[in-house]
Amino acid sequence: MPLLQVVTILIVVGVLLWLINRFIPMQGTIKSILNAVVVICVVLWLLNIFGLFHSLAGIHVGR
């Protein structure tokens, strides 16, 4: 995956998370959990993209 595409995806995810945090009213606890989940998912995705987390490919959700 080209570096420009990775940066673009990171910018889009960041802007979407900012929009959700800014314009959707929710409790601070829920907002913190949402932010943590998104950050963890992005970090795991980046580790997989750069080949540092090979076992992520073995995880299947559903059938």
PDB file of N, CA and C in Angstrom:
ATOM      1  N   MET A   1       0.852  -1.168   0.000  1.00  0.00           N
ATOM      2  CA  MET A   1       0.000   0.000   0.000  1.00  0.00           C
ATOM      3  C   MET A   1       0.901   1.236   0.000  1.00  0.00           C
ATOM      4  N   PRO A   2       0.675   2.134  -0.929  1.00  0.00           N
ATOM      5  CA  PRO A   2       1.512   3.340  -0.995  1.00  0.00           C
ATOM      6  C   PRO A   2       1.369   4.219   0.255  1.00  0.00           C
ATOM      7  N   LEU A   3       2.454   4.893   0.576  1.00  0.00           N
ATOM      8  CA  LEU A   3       2.476   5.733   1.774  1.00  0.00           C
ATOM      9  C   LEU A   3       1.445   6.853   1.702  1.00  0.00           C
ATOM     10  N   LEU A   4       1.228   7.401   0.522  1.00  0.00           N
ATOM     11  CA  LEU A   4       0.244   8.470   0.360  1.00  0.00           C
ATOM     12  C   LEU A   4      -1.167   7.977   0.695  1.00  0.00           C
ATOM     13  N   GLN A   5      -1.472   6.739   0.322  1.00  0.00           N
ATOM     14  CA  GLN A   5      -2.784   6.171   0.629  1.00  0.00           C
ATOM     15  C   GLN A   5      -2.940   5.951   2.133  1.00  0.00           C
ATOM     16  N   VAL A   6      -1.892   5.510   2.802  1.00  0.00           N
ATOM     17  CA  VAL A   6      -1.942   5.311   4.256  1.00  0.00           C
ATOM     18  C   VAL A   6      -2.181   6.647   4.955  1.00  0.00           C
ATOM     19  N   VAL A   7      -1.459   7.678   4.529  1.00  0.00           N
ATOM     20  CA  VAL A   7      -1.623   9.002   5.130  1.00  0.00           C
ATOM     21  C   VAL A   7      -3.034   9.534   4.882  1.00  0.00           C
ATOM     22  N   THR A   8      -3.562   9.314   3.683  1.00  0.00           N
ATOM     23  CA  THR A   8      -4.918   9.758   3.367  1.00  0.00           C
ATOM     24  C   THR A   8      -5.940   9.064   4.249  1.00  0.00           C
ATOM     25  N   ILE A   9      -5.799   7.770   4.438  1.00  0.00           N
ATOM     26  CA  ILE A   9      -6.725   7.026   5.298  1.00  0.00           C
ATOM     27  C   ILE A   9      -6.633   7.520   6.735  1.00  0.00           C
ATOM     28  N   LEU A  10      -5.416   7.785   7.218  1.00  0.00           N
ATOM     29  CA  LEU A  10      -5.250   8.294   8.577  1.00  0.00           C
ATOM     30  C   LEU A  10      -5.911   9.663   8.738  1.00  0.00           C
ATOM     31  N   ILE A  11      -5.784  10.513   7.727  1.00  0.00           N
ATOM     32  CA  ILE A  11      -6.428  11.829   7.782  1.00  0.00           C
ATOM     33  C   ILE A  11      -7.940  11.685   7.792  1.00  0.00           C
ATOM     34  N   VAL A  12      -8.480  10.816   6.954  1.00  0.00           N
ATOM     35  CA  VAL A  12      -9.932  10.614   6.906  1.00  0.00           C
ATOM     36  C   VAL A  12     -10.450  10.071   8.235  1.00  0.00           C
ATOM     37  N   VAL A  13      -9.762   9.101   8.809  1.00  0.00           N
ATOM     38  CA  VAL A  13     -10.184   8.544  10.104  1.00  0.00           C
ATOM     39  C   VAL A  13     -10.111   9.618  11.184  1.00  0.00           C
ATOM     40  N   GLY A  14      -9.060  10.413  11.164  1.00  0.00           N
ATOM     41  CA  GLY A  14      -8.925  11.479  12.149  1.00  0.00           C
ATOM     42  C   GLY A  14     -10.018  12.521  12.038  1.00  0.00           C
ATOM     43  N   VAL A  15     -10.344  12.924  10.814  1.00  0.00           N
ATOM     44  CA  VAL A  15     -11.402  13.914  10.609  1.00  0.00           C
ATOM     45  C   VAL A  15     -12.758  13.344  11.024  1.00  0.00           C
ATOM     46  N   LEU A  16     -13.031  12.087  10.676  1.00  0.00           N
ATOM     47  CA  LEU A  16     -14.301  11.469  11.089  1.00  0.00           C
ATOM     48  C   LEU A  16     -14.412  11.382  12.609  1.00  0.00           C
ATOM     49  N   LEU A  17     -13.323  10.999  13.271  1.00  0.00           N
ATOM     50  CA  LEU A  17     -13.350  10.923  14.727  1.00  0.00           C
ATOM     51  C   LEU A  17     -13.532  12.314  15.333  1.00  0.00           C
ATOM     52  N   TRP A  18     -12.887  13.315  14.770  1.00  0.00           N
ATOM     53  CA  TRP A  18     -13.063  14.687  15.247  1.00  0.00           C
ATOM     54  C   TRP A  18     -14.503  15.146  15.064  1.00  0.00           C
ATOM     55  N   LEU A  19     -15.102  14.848  13.903  1.00  0.00           N
ATOM     56  CA  LEU A  19     -16.492  15.239  13.662  1.00  0.00           C
ATOM     57  C   LEU A  19     -17.442  14.562  14.647  1.00  0.00           C
ATOM     58  N   ILE A  20     -17.202  13.281  14.918  1.00  0.00           N
ATOM     59  CA  ILE A  20     -18.040  12.573  15.883  1.00  0.00           C
ATOM     60  C   ILE A  20     -17.883  13.186  17.265  1.00  0.00           C
ATOM     61  N   ASN A  21     -16.648  13.450  17.665  1.00  0.00           N
ATOM     62  CA  ASN A  21     -16.406  14.029  18.989  1.00  0.00           C
ATOM     63  C   ASN A  21     -16.964  15.441  19.117  1.00  0.00           C
ATOM     64  N   ARG A  22     -16.934  16.181  18.039  1.00  0.00           N
ATOM     65  CA  ARG A  22     -17.333  17.585  18.077  1.00  0.00           C
ATOM     66  C   ARG A  22     -18.845  17.789  17.990  1.00  0.00           C
ATOM     67  N   PHE A  23     -19.502  17.035  17.112  1.00  0.00           N
ATOM     68  CA  PHE A  23     -20.884  17.343  16.791  1.00  0.00           C
ATOM     69  C   PHE A  23     -21.921  16.336  17.286  1.00  0.00           C
ATOM     70  N   ILE A  24     -21.508  15.177  17.765  1.00  0.00           N
ATOM     71  CA  ILE A  24     -22.461  14.211  18.303  1.00  0.00           C
ATOM     72  C   ILE A  24     -22.370  14.250  19.824  1.00  0.00           C
ATOM     73  N   PRO A  25     -23.449  14.668  20.469  1.00  0.00           N
ATOM     74  CA  PRO A  25     -23.403  14.743  21.932  1.00  0.00           C
ATOM     75  C   PRO A  25     -23.440  13.352  22.558  1.00  0.00           C
ATOM     76  N   MET A  26     -22.481  13.098  23.430  1.00  0.00           N
ATOM     77  CA  MET A  26     -22.444  11.836  24.161  1.00  0.00           C
ATOM     78  C   MET A  26     -21.649  12.037  25.442  1.00  0.00           C
ATOM     79  N   GLN A  27     -21.826  11.108  26.357  1.00  0.00           N
ATOM     80  CA  GLN A  27     -21.126  11.172  27.636  1.00  0.00           C
ATOM     81  C   GLN A  27     -19.615  11.105  27.423  1.00  0.00           C
ATOM     82  N   GLY A  28     -18.884  11.715  28.334  1.00  0.00           N
ATOM     83  CA  GLY A  28     -17.432  11.711  28.240  1.00  0.00           C
ATOM     84  C   GLY A  28     -16.831  10.324  28.301  1.00  0.00           C
ATOM     85  N   THR A  29     -17.445   9.441  29.093  1.00  0.00           N
ATOM     86  CA  THR A  29     -16.942   8.074  29.218  1.00  0.00           C
ATOM     87  C   THR A  29     -17.078   7.334  27.892  1.00  0.00           C
ATOM     88  N   ILE A  30     -18.230   7.466  27.267  1.00  0.00           N
ATOM     89  CA  ILE A  30     -18.454   6.794  25.986  1.00  0.00           C
ATOM     90  C   ILE A  30     -17.515   7.365  24.926  1.00  0.00           C
ATOM     91  N   LYS A  31     -17.311   8.659  24.959  1.00  0.00           N
ATOM     92  CA  LYS A  31     -16.413   9.314  24.007  1.00  0.00           C
ATOM     93  C   LYS A  31     -14.978   8.807  24.183  1.00  0.00           C
ATOM     94  N   SER A  32     -14.554   8.641  25.425  1.00  0.00           N
ATOM     95  CA  SER A  32     -13.204   8.128  25.692  1.00  0.00           C
ATOM     96  C   SER A  32     -13.048   6.697  25.212  1.00  0.00           C
ATOM     97  N   ILE A  33     -14.065   5.879  25.439  1.00  0.00           N
ATOM     98  CA  ILE A  33     -14.020   4.488  24.980  1.00  0.00           C
ATOM     99  C   ILE A  33     -13.973   4.432  23.459  1.00  0.00           C
ATOM    100  N   LEU A  34     -14.789   5.246  22.798  1.00  0.00           N
ATOM    101  CA  LEU A  34     -14.796   5.292  21.334  1.00  0.00           C
ATOM    102  C   LEU A  34     -13.431   5.708  20.798  1.00  0.00           C
ATOM    103  N   ASN A  35     -12.850   6.734  21.390  1.00  0.00           N
ATOM    104  CA  ASN A  35     -11.525   7.192  20.962  1.00  0.00           C
ATOM    105  C   ASN A  35     -10.479   6.102  21.145  1.00  0.00           C
ATOM    106  N   ALA A  36     -10.520   5.412  22.280  1.00  0.00           N
ATOM    107  CA  ALA A  36      -9.547   4.348  22.555  1.00  0.00           C
ATOM    108  C   ALA A  36      -9.693   3.200  21.557  1.00  0.00           C
ATOM    109  N   VAL A  37     -10.918   2.811  21.263  1.00  0.00           N
ATOM    110  CA  VAL A  37     -11.147   1.716  20.314  1.00  0.00           C
ATOM    111  C   VAL A  37     -10.641   2.097  18.923  1.00  0.00           C
ATOM    112  N   VAL A  38     -10.924   3.310  18.497  1.00  0.00           N
ATOM    113  CA  VAL A  38     -10.473   3.751  17.175  1.00  0.00           C
ATOM    114  C   VAL A  38      -8.947   3.802  17.120  1.00  0.00           C
ATOM    115  N   VAL A  39      -8.314   4.329  18.155  1.00  0.00           N
ATOM    116  CA  VAL A  39      -6.846   4.411  18.171  1.00  0.00           C
ATOM    117  C   VAL A  39      -6.230   3.019  18.172  1.00  0.00           C
ATOM    118  N   ILE A  40      -6.766   2.098  18.952  1.00  0.00           N
ATOM    119  CA  ILE A  40      -6.240   0.731  18.988  1.00  0.00           C
ATOM    120  C   ILE A  40      -6.395   0.061  17.633  1.00  0.00           C
ATOM    121  N   CYS A  41      -7.553   0.232  17.002  1.00  0.00           N
ATOM    122  CA  CYS A  41      -7.773  -0.360  15.678  1.00  0.00           C
ATOM    123  C   CYS A  41      -6.814   0.219  14.639  1.00  0.00           C
ATOM    124  N   VAL A  42      -6.593   1.523  14.682  1.00  0.00           N
ATOM    125  CA  VAL A  42      -5.685   2.153  13.721  1.00  0.00           C
ATOM    126  C   VAL A  42      -4.252   1.682  13.952  1.00  0.00           C
ATOM    127  N   VAL A  43      -3.841   1.563  15.202  1.00  0.00           N
ATOM    128  CA  VAL A  43      -2.484   1.094  15.498  1.00  0.00           C
ATOM    129  C   VAL A  43      -2.300  -0.346  15.020  1.00  0.00           C
ATOM    130  N   LEU A  44      -3.280  -1.207  15.281  1.00  0.00           N
ATOM    131  CA  LEU A  44      -3.183  -2.595  14.816  1.00  0.00           C
ATOM    132  C   LEU A  44      -3.165  -2.659  13.292  1.00  0.00           C
ATOM    133  N   TRP A  45      -3.973  -1.816  12.645  1.00  0.00           N
ATOM    134  CA  TRP A  45      -3.990  -1.780  11.184  1.00  0.00           C
ATOM    135  C   TRP A  45      -2.630  -1.338  10.638  1.00  0.00           C
ATOM    136  N   LEU A  46      -2.042  -0.313  11.253  1.00  0.00           N
ATOM    137  CA  LEU A  46      -0.729   0.160  10.810  1.00  0.00           C
ATOM    138  C   LEU A  46       0.349  -0.899  11.019  1.00  0.00           C
ATOM    139  N   LEU A  47       0.299  -1.584  12.163  1.00  0.00           N
ATOM    140  CA  LEU A  47       1.268  -2.655  12.399  1.00  0.00           C
ATOM    141  C   LEU A  47       1.135  -3.751  11.350  1.00  0.00           C
ATOM    142  N   ASN A  48      -0.099  -4.063  10.972  1.00  0.00           N
ATOM    143  CA  ASN A  48      -0.318  -5.081   9.947  1.00  0.00           C
ATOM    144  C   ASN A  48       0.171  -4.594   8.581  1.00  0.00           C
ATOM    145  N   ILE A  49      -0.103  -3.337   8.259  1.00  0.00           N
ATOM    146  CA  ILE A  49       0.313  -2.788   6.969  1.00  0.00           C
ATOM    147  C   ILE A  49       1.837  -2.831   6.820  1.00  0.00           C
ATOM    148  N   PHE A  50       2.556  -2.496   7.879  1.00  0.00           N
ATOM    149  CA  PHE A  50       4.009  -2.458   7.815  1.00  0.00           C
ATOM    150  C   PHE A  50       4.652  -3.805   8.138  1.00  0.00           C
ATOM    151  N   GLY A  51       3.835  -4.843   8.308  1.00  0.00           N
ATOM    152  CA  GLY A  51       4.354  -6.193   8.471  1.00  0.00           C
ATOM    153  C   GLY A  51       4.899  -6.502   9.841  1.00  0.00           C
ATOM    154  N   LEU A  52       4.495  -5.763  10.848  1.00  0.00           N
ATOM    155  CA  LEU A  52       5.008  -5.999  12.193  1.00  0.00           C
ATOM    156  C   LEU A  52       4.046  -6.809  13.047  1.00  0.00           C
ATOM    157  N   PHE A  53       2.891  -7.129  12.516  1.00  0.00           N
ATOM    158  CA  PHE A  53       1.876  -7.847  13.275  1.00  0.00           C
ATOM    159  C   PHE A  53       1.257  -8.900  12.358  1.00  0.00           C
ATOM    160  N   HIS A  54       1.974  -9.996  12.135  1.00  0.00           N
ATOM    161  CA  HIS A  54       1.563 -11.003  11.166  1.00  0.00           C
ATOM    162  C   HIS A  54       0.341 -11.795  11.612  1.00  0.00           C
ATOM    163  N   SER A  55       0.146 -11.942  12.906  1.00  0.00           N
ATOM    164  CA  SER A  55      -0.956 -12.790  13.369  1.00  0.00           C
ATOM    165  C   SER A  55      -2.323 -12.147  13.167  1.00  0.00           C
ATOM    166  N   LEU A  56      -2.387 -10.867  12.779  1.00  0.00           N
ATOM    167  CA  LEU A  56      -3.659 -10.221  12.538  1.00  0.00           C
ATOM    168  C   LEU A  56      -4.381 -10.849  11.346  1.00  0.00           C
ATOM    169  N   ALA A  57      -3.643 -11.364  10.401  1.00  0.00           N
ATOM    170  CA  ALA A  57      -4.258 -11.972   9.225  1.00  0.00           C
ATOM    171  C   ALA A  57      -5.004 -13.258   9.572  1.00  0.00           C
ATOM    172  N   GLY A  58      -4.656 -13.891  10.697  1.00  0.00           N
ATOM    173  CA  GLY A  58      -5.315 -15.130  11.085  1.00  0.00           C
ATOM    174  C   GLY A  58      -6.601 -14.944  11.842  1.00  0.00           C
ATOM    175  N   ILE A  59      -6.975 -13.723  12.140  1.00  0.00           N
ATOM    176  CA  ILE A  59      -8.186 -13.452  12.900  1.00  0.00           C
ATOM    177  C   ILE A  59      -9.365 -13.353  11.937  1.00  0.00           C
ATOM    178  N   HIS A  60     -10.395 -14.141  12.190  1.00  0.00           N
ATOM    179  CA  HIS A  60     -11.587 -14.112  11.343  1.00  0.00           C
ATOM    180  C   HIS A  60     -12.806 -13.839  12.213  1.00  0.00           C
ATOM    181  N   VAL A  61     -13.657 -12.968  11.750  1.00  0.00           N
ATOM    182  CA  VAL A  61     -14.894 -12.653  12.455  1.00  0.00           C
ATOM    183  C   VAL A  61     -16.034 -13.306  11.682  1.00  0.00           C
ATOM    184  N   GLY A  62     -16.830 -14.083  12.371  1.00  0.00           N
ATOM    185  CA  GLY A  62     -17.905 -14.794  11.687  1.00  0.00           C
ATOM    186  C   GLY A  62     -17.421 -16.089  11.096  1.00  0.00           C
ATOM    187  N   ARG A  63     -18.068 -16.487   9.993  1.00  0.00           N
ATOM    188  CA  ARG A  63     -17.708 -17.757   9.370  1.00  0.00           C
ATOM    189  C   ARG A  63     -16.651 -17.564   8.398  1.00  0.00           C
TER     190      ARG A  63
END
